[in-house]
Amino acid sequence: MVTSEERMKILKMINDGKISAEEGSQLLTALSQRSEKPKKTPGRTLKGQMLRVRVTDMSSGRTKVNVNVPMKLVDAGLNIAAQFTPEMEGAQMMEAVKEALAENMQGKIVDVIDEEDQEHVEIFIE
């Protein structure tokens, strides 16, 4: 919303001949649009969200890893985990997680089957 003070300044500039009525109208429109823009919010809503990692042994069907991490700790955790996943697949998985976080995704964000180790890795944001 354009404040009355801003509106008066524009009307005075029109009255004084500093700008045309059309230019004044454009200024008022620009000011109105500026104030209508939503306020910036963080890229993700962290409150109550969890990053869940589940690794299942494909041959037995048993869960080998089931970890829930609060979103507030995920950035630090990813930086630490990146040091322990030098393999290409691990690095790709970390990038997929970082990308999903940046885009504020929900649900399953990674679903990988490691045929060599017979493991199924799933990562969720809930």
N, C-alpha and C. Protein backbone atom coordinates (compact mmCIF):
# COMPACT_ATOMS: atom_id res chain seq x y z
N MET A 1 0.84 -1.17 0.00
CA MET A 1 0.00 0.00 0.00
C MET A 1 0.89 1.23 0.00
N VAL A 2 0.52 2.19 -0.81
CA VAL A 2 1.23 3.45 -0.88
C VAL A 2 0.78 4.31 0.29
N THR A 3 1.75 4.87 1.01
CA THR A 3 1.39 5.72 2.14
C THR A 3 0.90 7.06 1.62
N SER A 4 0.13 7.73 2.45
CA SER A 4 -0.40 9.04 2.03
C SER A 4 0.74 10.03 1.83
N GLU A 5 1.81 9.89 2.59
CA GLU A 5 2.97 10.78 2.44
C GLU A 5 3.61 10.60 1.07
N GLU A 6 3.78 9.33 0.65
CA GLU A 6 4.37 9.05 -0.67
C GLU A 6 3.45 9.58 -1.77
N ARG A 7 2.17 9.35 -1.62
CA ARG A 7 1.19 9.82 -2.60
C ARG A 7 1.24 11.35 -2.73
N MET A 8 1.33 12.05 -1.59
CA MET A 8 1.37 13.52 -1.60
C MET A 8 2.64 14.03 -2.29
N LYS A 9 3.76 13.37 -2.07
CA LYS A 9 5.01 13.78 -2.72
C LYS A 9 4.88 13.66 -4.23
N ILE A 10 4.28 12.56 -4.68
CA ILE A 10 4.11 12.35 -6.14
C ILE A 10 3.16 13.40 -6.70
N LEU A 11 2.05 13.65 -6.00
CA LEU A 11 1.10 14.67 -6.48
C LEU A 11 1.75 16.05 -6.51
N LYS A 12 2.60 16.35 -5.55
CA LYS A 12 3.28 17.66 -5.53
C LYS A 12 4.24 17.76 -6.72
N MET A 13 4.95 16.65 -7.04
CA MET A 13 5.86 16.67 -8.19
C MET A 13 5.07 16.88 -9.48
N ILE A 14 3.88 16.30 -9.59
CA ILE A 14 3.03 16.51 -10.76
C ILE A 14 2.60 17.98 -10.80
N ASN A 15 2.15 18.52 -9.66
CA ASN A 15 1.69 19.90 -9.57
C ASN A 15 2.80 20.89 -9.90
N ASP A 16 4.02 20.59 -9.47
CA ASP A 16 5.16 21.47 -9.73
C ASP A 16 5.70 21.31 -11.15
N GLY A 17 5.17 20.35 -11.90
CA GLY A 17 5.63 20.14 -13.27
C GLY A 17 6.92 19.37 -13.38
N LYS A 18 7.36 18.76 -12.29
CA LYS A 18 8.60 17.98 -12.31
C LYS A 18 8.42 16.66 -13.05
N ILE A 19 7.20 16.11 -12.96
CA ILE A 19 6.88 14.88 -13.68
C ILE A 19 5.49 15.04 -14.28
N SER A 20 5.21 14.24 -15.32
CA SER A 20 3.89 14.29 -15.95
C SER A 20 2.90 13.47 -15.12
N ALA A 21 1.61 13.63 -15.42
CA ALA A 21 0.58 12.86 -14.73
C ALA A 21 0.77 11.36 -15.01
N GLU A 22 1.18 11.03 -16.22
CA GLU A 22 1.42 9.63 -16.59
C GLU A 22 2.59 9.05 -15.78
N GLU A 23 3.66 9.84 -15.64
CA GLU A 23 4.80 9.38 -14.85
C GLU A 23 4.40 9.21 -13.38
N GLY A 24 3.58 10.11 -12.88
CA GLY A 24 3.09 10.00 -11.51
C GLY A 24 2.28 8.74 -11.31
N SER A 25 1.44 8.44 -12.30
CA SER A 25 0.64 7.23 -12.24
C SER A 25 1.53 5.99 -12.22
N GLN A 26 2.58 6.00 -13.03
CA GLN A 26 3.51 4.87 -13.07
C GLN A 26 4.22 4.71 -11.73
N LEU A 27 4.59 5.84 -11.11
CA LEU A 27 5.23 5.78 -9.80
C LEU A 27 4.30 5.18 -8.75
N LEU A 28 3.05 5.62 -8.76
CA LEU A 28 2.08 5.10 -7.81
C LEU A 28 1.86 3.61 -8.00
N THR A 29 1.79 3.19 -9.25
CA THR A 29 1.63 1.76 -9.55
C THR A 29 2.83 0.96 -9.06
N ALA A 30 4.04 1.49 -9.33
CA ALA A 30 5.26 0.80 -8.90
C ALA A 30 5.32 0.69 -7.38
N LEU A 31 4.95 1.75 -6.69
CA LEU A 31 4.96 1.73 -5.23
C LEU A 31 3.92 0.74 -4.69
N SER A 32 2.77 0.67 -5.33
CA SER A 32 1.74 -0.28 -4.90
C SER A 32 2.22 -1.71 -5.09
N GLN A 33 2.85 -1.99 -6.21
CA GLN A 33 3.34 -3.34 -6.48
C GLN A 33 4.46 -3.71 -5.52
N ARG A 34 5.29 -2.75 -5.20
CA ARG A 34 6.39 -3.00 -4.26
C ARG A 34 5.85 -3.45 -2.91
N SER A 35 4.82 -2.80 -2.45
CA SER A 35 4.29 -3.12 -1.13
C SER A 35 3.46 -4.39 -1.13
N GLU A 36 3.00 -4.85 -2.29
CA GLU A 36 2.20 -6.07 -2.38
C GLU A 36 3.04 -7.33 -2.42
N LYS A 37 4.35 -7.20 -2.67
CA LYS A 37 5.20 -8.37 -2.74
C LYS A 37 5.25 -9.04 -1.39
N PRO A 38 5.22 -10.38 -1.37
CA PRO A 38 5.29 -11.07 -0.09
C PRO A 38 6.65 -10.85 0.56
N LYS A 39 6.65 -10.87 1.87
CA LYS A 39 7.89 -10.72 2.60
C LYS A 39 8.73 -11.96 2.39
N LYS A 40 10.04 -11.75 2.33
CA LYS A 40 10.93 -12.88 2.14
C LYS A 40 10.93 -13.75 3.37
N THR A 41 10.88 -15.05 3.12
CA THR A 41 10.94 -16.02 4.21
C THR A 41 12.11 -16.94 3.93
N PRO A 42 12.61 -17.62 4.92
CA PRO A 42 13.71 -18.55 4.69
C PRO A 42 13.33 -19.58 3.64
N GLY A 43 14.34 -20.15 2.97
CA GLY A 43 14.11 -21.11 1.91
C GLY A 43 13.37 -22.35 2.36
N ARG A 44 13.46 -22.69 3.60
CA ARG A 44 12.74 -23.85 4.08
C ARG A 44 12.15 -23.58 5.45
N THR A 45 11.09 -24.25 5.71
CA THR A 45 10.45 -24.16 7.01
C THR A 45 11.00 -25.30 7.84
N LEU A 46 11.77 -24.97 8.85
CA LEU A 46 12.48 -25.98 9.61
C LEU A 46 11.67 -26.54 10.78
N LYS A 47 10.76 -25.76 11.30
CA LYS A 47 10.08 -26.15 12.53
C LYS A 47 9.33 -27.47 12.37
N GLY A 48 9.72 -28.44 13.17
CA GLY A 48 9.03 -29.72 13.19
C GLY A 48 9.40 -30.67 12.06
N GLN A 49 10.22 -30.25 11.12
CA GLN A 49 10.57 -31.14 10.03
C GLN A 49 11.76 -32.02 10.39
N MET A 50 11.77 -33.19 9.77
CA MET A 50 12.85 -34.15 10.01
C MET A 50 13.38 -34.65 8.68
N LEU A 51 14.67 -34.94 8.64
CA LEU A 51 15.28 -35.64 7.53
C LEU A 51 15.42 -37.08 8.00
N ARG A 52 14.84 -37.99 7.27
CA ARG A 52 14.82 -39.40 7.66
C ARG A 52 15.62 -40.21 6.66
N VAL A 53 16.56 -41.00 7.16
CA VAL A 53 17.39 -41.86 6.31
C VAL A 53 17.12 -43.31 6.70
N ARG A 54 16.80 -44.12 5.70
CA ARG A 54 16.53 -45.53 5.96
C ARG A 54 17.34 -46.37 4.97
N VAL A 55 18.11 -47.31 5.51
CA VAL A 55 18.89 -48.24 4.67
C VAL A 55 18.39 -49.64 5.00
N THR A 56 17.96 -50.35 3.95
CA THR A 56 17.40 -51.69 4.12
C THR A 56 18.27 -52.72 3.41
N ASP A 57 18.54 -53.82 4.08
CA ASP A 57 19.27 -54.94 3.47
C ASP A 57 18.29 -55.63 2.53
N MET A 58 18.59 -55.65 1.24
CA MET A 58 17.66 -56.18 0.26
C MET A 58 17.51 -57.70 0.36
N SER A 59 18.56 -58.40 0.78
CA SER A 59 18.47 -59.86 0.82
C SER A 59 17.61 -60.33 2.00
N SER A 60 17.69 -59.65 3.14
CA SER A 60 16.91 -60.07 4.30
C SER A 60 15.65 -59.23 4.52
N GLY A 61 15.61 -58.04 3.93
CA GLY A 61 14.47 -57.14 4.12
C GLY A 61 14.52 -56.38 5.44
N ARG A 62 15.58 -56.60 6.21
CA ARG A 62 15.71 -55.93 7.51
C ARG A 62 16.29 -54.54 7.35
N THR A 63 15.82 -53.64 8.21
CA THR A 63 16.32 -52.28 8.22
C THR A 63 17.67 -52.25 8.91
N LYS A 64 18.68 -51.75 8.20
CA LYS A 64 20.03 -51.66 8.77
C LYS A 64 20.23 -50.31 9.45
N VAL A 65 19.65 -49.27 8.88
CA VAL A 65 19.79 -47.91 9.42
C VAL A 65 18.44 -47.23 9.34
N ASN A 66 18.06 -46.58 10.42
CA ASN A 66 16.84 -45.78 10.44
C ASN A 66 17.13 -44.57 11.33
N VAL A 67 17.47 -43.45 10.69
CA VAL A 67 17.90 -42.26 11.42
C VAL A 67 16.97 -41.10 11.11
N ASN A 68 16.54 -40.39 12.14
CA ASN A 68 15.75 -39.18 12.00
C ASN A 68 16.56 -38.01 12.53
N VAL A 69 16.74 -36.99 11.68
CA VAL A 69 17.55 -35.83 12.05
C VAL A 69 16.69 -34.58 11.95
N PRO A 70 16.63 -33.77 13.02
CA PRO A 70 15.89 -32.50 12.92
C PRO A 70 16.50 -31.62 11.84
N MET A 71 15.65 -30.96 11.08
CA MET A 71 16.11 -30.13 9.97
C MET A 71 17.10 -29.06 10.40
N LYS A 72 16.99 -28.61 11.63
CA LYS A 72 17.91 -27.58 12.11
C LYS A 72 19.35 -28.07 12.14
N LEU A 73 19.54 -29.37 12.18
CA LEU A 73 20.88 -29.94 12.23
C LEU A 73 21.36 -30.48 10.88
N VAL A 74 20.53 -30.44 9.89
CA VAL A 74 20.85 -31.09 8.61
C VAL A 74 22.03 -30.45 7.91
N ASP A 75 22.10 -29.13 7.83
CA ASP A 75 23.21 -28.48 7.13
C ASP A 75 24.56 -28.90 7.71
N ALA A 76 24.66 -28.85 9.03
CA ALA A 76 25.90 -29.26 9.68
C ALA A 76 26.16 -30.74 9.43
N GLY A 77 25.11 -31.55 9.51
CA GLY A 77 25.24 -32.98 9.29
C GLY A 77 25.69 -33.32 7.88
N LEU A 78 25.19 -32.59 6.89
CA LEU A 78 25.59 -32.84 5.51
C LEU A 78 27.07 -32.53 5.30
N ASN A 79 27.52 -31.45 5.92
CA ASN A 79 28.93 -31.09 5.79
C ASN A 79 29.83 -32.15 6.41
N ILE A 80 29.42 -32.69 7.54
CA ILE A 80 30.18 -33.75 8.20
C ILE A 80 30.11 -35.04 7.37
N ALA A 81 28.92 -35.39 6.92
CA ALA A 81 28.73 -36.63 6.16
C ALA A 81 29.49 -36.61 4.84
N ALA A 82 29.62 -35.44 4.24
CA ALA A 82 30.32 -35.33 2.96
C ALA A 82 31.78 -35.78 3.09
N GLN A 83 32.35 -35.62 4.26
CA GLN A 83 33.73 -36.04 4.49
C GLN A 83 33.87 -37.55 4.48
N PHE A 84 32.78 -38.26 4.79
CA PHE A 84 32.82 -39.70 4.88
C PHE A 84 32.23 -40.41 3.67
N THR A 85 31.83 -39.65 2.65
CA THR A 85 31.26 -40.25 1.44
C THR A 85 32.03 -39.77 0.22
N PRO A 86 33.29 -40.17 0.11
CA PRO A 86 34.08 -39.71 -1.03
C PRO A 86 33.70 -40.37 -2.35
N GLU A 87 32.98 -41.49 -2.28
CA GLU A 87 32.59 -42.18 -3.50
C GLU A 87 31.63 -41.34 -4.31
N MET A 88 31.62 -41.54 -5.60
CA MET A 88 30.78 -40.76 -6.50
C MET A 88 29.30 -40.86 -6.13
N GLU A 89 28.82 -42.07 -5.84
CA GLU A 89 27.41 -42.25 -5.50
C GLU A 89 27.05 -41.48 -4.23
N GLY A 90 27.92 -41.52 -3.23
CA GLY A 90 27.69 -40.78 -2.00
C GLY A 90 27.64 -39.28 -2.23
N ALA A 91 28.56 -38.79 -3.06
CA ALA A 91 28.59 -37.36 -3.37
C ALA A 91 27.34 -36.94 -4.12
N GLN A 92 26.88 -37.79 -5.05
CA GLN A 92 25.66 -37.48 -5.79
C GLN A 92 24.45 -37.46 -4.87
N MET A 93 24.42 -38.38 -3.90
CA MET A 93 23.32 -38.43 -2.96
C MET A 93 23.30 -37.16 -2.11
N MET A 94 24.46 -36.71 -1.67
CA MET A 94 24.54 -35.49 -0.87
C MET A 94 24.06 -34.29 -1.67
N GLU A 95 24.43 -34.23 -2.94
CA GLU A 95 23.98 -33.12 -3.79
C GLU A 95 22.47 -33.15 -3.97
N ALA A 96 21.91 -34.35 -4.12
CA ALA A 96 20.46 -34.48 -4.27
C ALA A 96 19.75 -33.97 -3.01
N VAL A 97 20.31 -34.29 -1.84
CA VAL A 97 19.71 -33.84 -0.58
C VAL A 97 19.80 -32.32 -0.49
N LYS A 98 20.97 -31.76 -0.77
CA LYS A 98 21.14 -30.31 -0.70
C LYS A 98 20.19 -29.59 -1.66
N GLU A 99 20.04 -30.14 -2.86
CA GLU A 99 19.14 -29.55 -3.85
C GLU A 99 17.68 -29.59 -3.37
N ALA A 100 17.29 -30.72 -2.82
CA ALA A 100 15.92 -30.86 -2.31
C ALA A 100 15.66 -29.89 -1.17
N LEU A 101 16.63 -29.71 -0.31
CA LEU A 101 16.49 -28.76 0.80
C LEU A 101 16.34 -27.34 0.27
N ALA A 102 17.14 -27.00 -0.73
CA ALA A 102 17.09 -25.65 -1.30
C ALA A 102 15.74 -25.38 -1.95
N GLU A 103 15.11 -26.42 -2.50
CA GLU A 103 13.82 -26.27 -3.18
C GLU A 103 12.64 -26.52 -2.24
N ASN A 104 12.93 -26.77 -0.97
CA ASN A 104 11.88 -26.97 0.04
C ASN A 104 10.96 -28.14 -0.31
N MET A 105 11.55 -29.22 -0.79
CA MET A 105 10.78 -30.40 -1.17
C MET A 105 10.29 -31.15 0.06
N GLN A 106 9.30 -31.99 -0.13
CA GLN A 106 8.74 -32.83 0.92
C GLN A 106 8.66 -34.26 0.38
N GLY A 107 8.63 -35.23 1.29
CA GLY A 107 8.49 -36.62 0.89
C GLY A 107 9.82 -37.28 0.58
N LYS A 108 9.79 -38.35 -0.22
CA LYS A 108 11.00 -39.09 -0.56
C LYS A 108 11.82 -38.28 -1.56
N ILE A 109 13.07 -38.01 -1.21
CA ILE A 109 13.92 -37.22 -2.10
C ILE A 109 15.05 -38.04 -2.71
N VAL A 110 15.38 -39.18 -2.08
CA VAL A 110 16.41 -40.06 -2.63
C VAL A 110 15.92 -41.49 -2.49
N ASP A 111 16.10 -42.27 -3.56
CA ASP A 111 15.74 -43.69 -3.56
C ASP A 111 16.78 -44.41 -4.41
N VAL A 112 17.76 -45.03 -3.74
CA VAL A 112 18.89 -45.65 -4.44
C VAL A 112 19.00 -47.11 -4.04
N ILE A 113 19.23 -47.96 -5.05
CA ILE A 113 19.47 -49.38 -4.79
C ILE A 113 20.92 -49.67 -5.15
N ASP A 114 21.67 -50.13 -4.15
CA ASP A 114 23.07 -50.49 -4.34
C ASP A 114 23.13 -51.99 -4.56
N GLU A 115 23.22 -52.41 -5.83
CA GLU A 115 23.21 -53.84 -6.18
C GLU A 115 24.42 -54.56 -5.60
N GLU A 116 25.56 -53.90 -5.59
CA GLU A 116 26.78 -54.54 -5.10
C GLU A 116 26.68 -54.90 -3.63
N ASP A 117 26.21 -53.98 -2.80
CA ASP A 117 26.10 -54.22 -1.36
C ASP A 117 24.71 -54.72 -0.97
N GLN A 118 23.81 -54.85 -1.95
CA GLN A 118 22.44 -55.30 -1.69
C GLN A 118 21.76 -54.44 -0.64
N GLU A 119 21.83 -53.11 -0.84
CA GLU A 119 21.21 -52.16 0.08
C GLU A 119 20.27 -51.23 -0.67
N HIS A 120 19.20 -50.87 0.01
CA HIS A 120 18.23 -49.93 -0.53
C HIS A 120 18.27 -48.70 0.39
N VAL A 121 18.66 -47.55 -0.17
CA VAL A 121 18.81 -46.32 0.61
C VAL A 121 17.66 -45.39 0.24
N GLU A 122 16.94 -44.91 1.25
CA GLU A 122 15.85 -43.96 1.04
C GLU A 122 16.06 -42.78 1.98
N ILE A 123 15.84 -41.57 1.45
CA ILE A 123 15.94 -40.36 2.27
C ILE A 123 14.65 -39.57 2.08
N PHE A 124 14.05 -39.18 3.19
CA PHE A 124 12.77 -38.47 3.19
C PHE A 124 12.92 -37.14 3.94
N ILE A 125 12.10 -36.16 3.55
CA ILE A 125 11.92 -34.96 4.35
C ILE A 125 10.46 -34.98 4.77
N GLU A 126 10.23 -35.00 6.08
CA GLU A 126 8.88 -35.10 6.61
C GLU A 126 8.61 -34.00 7.61
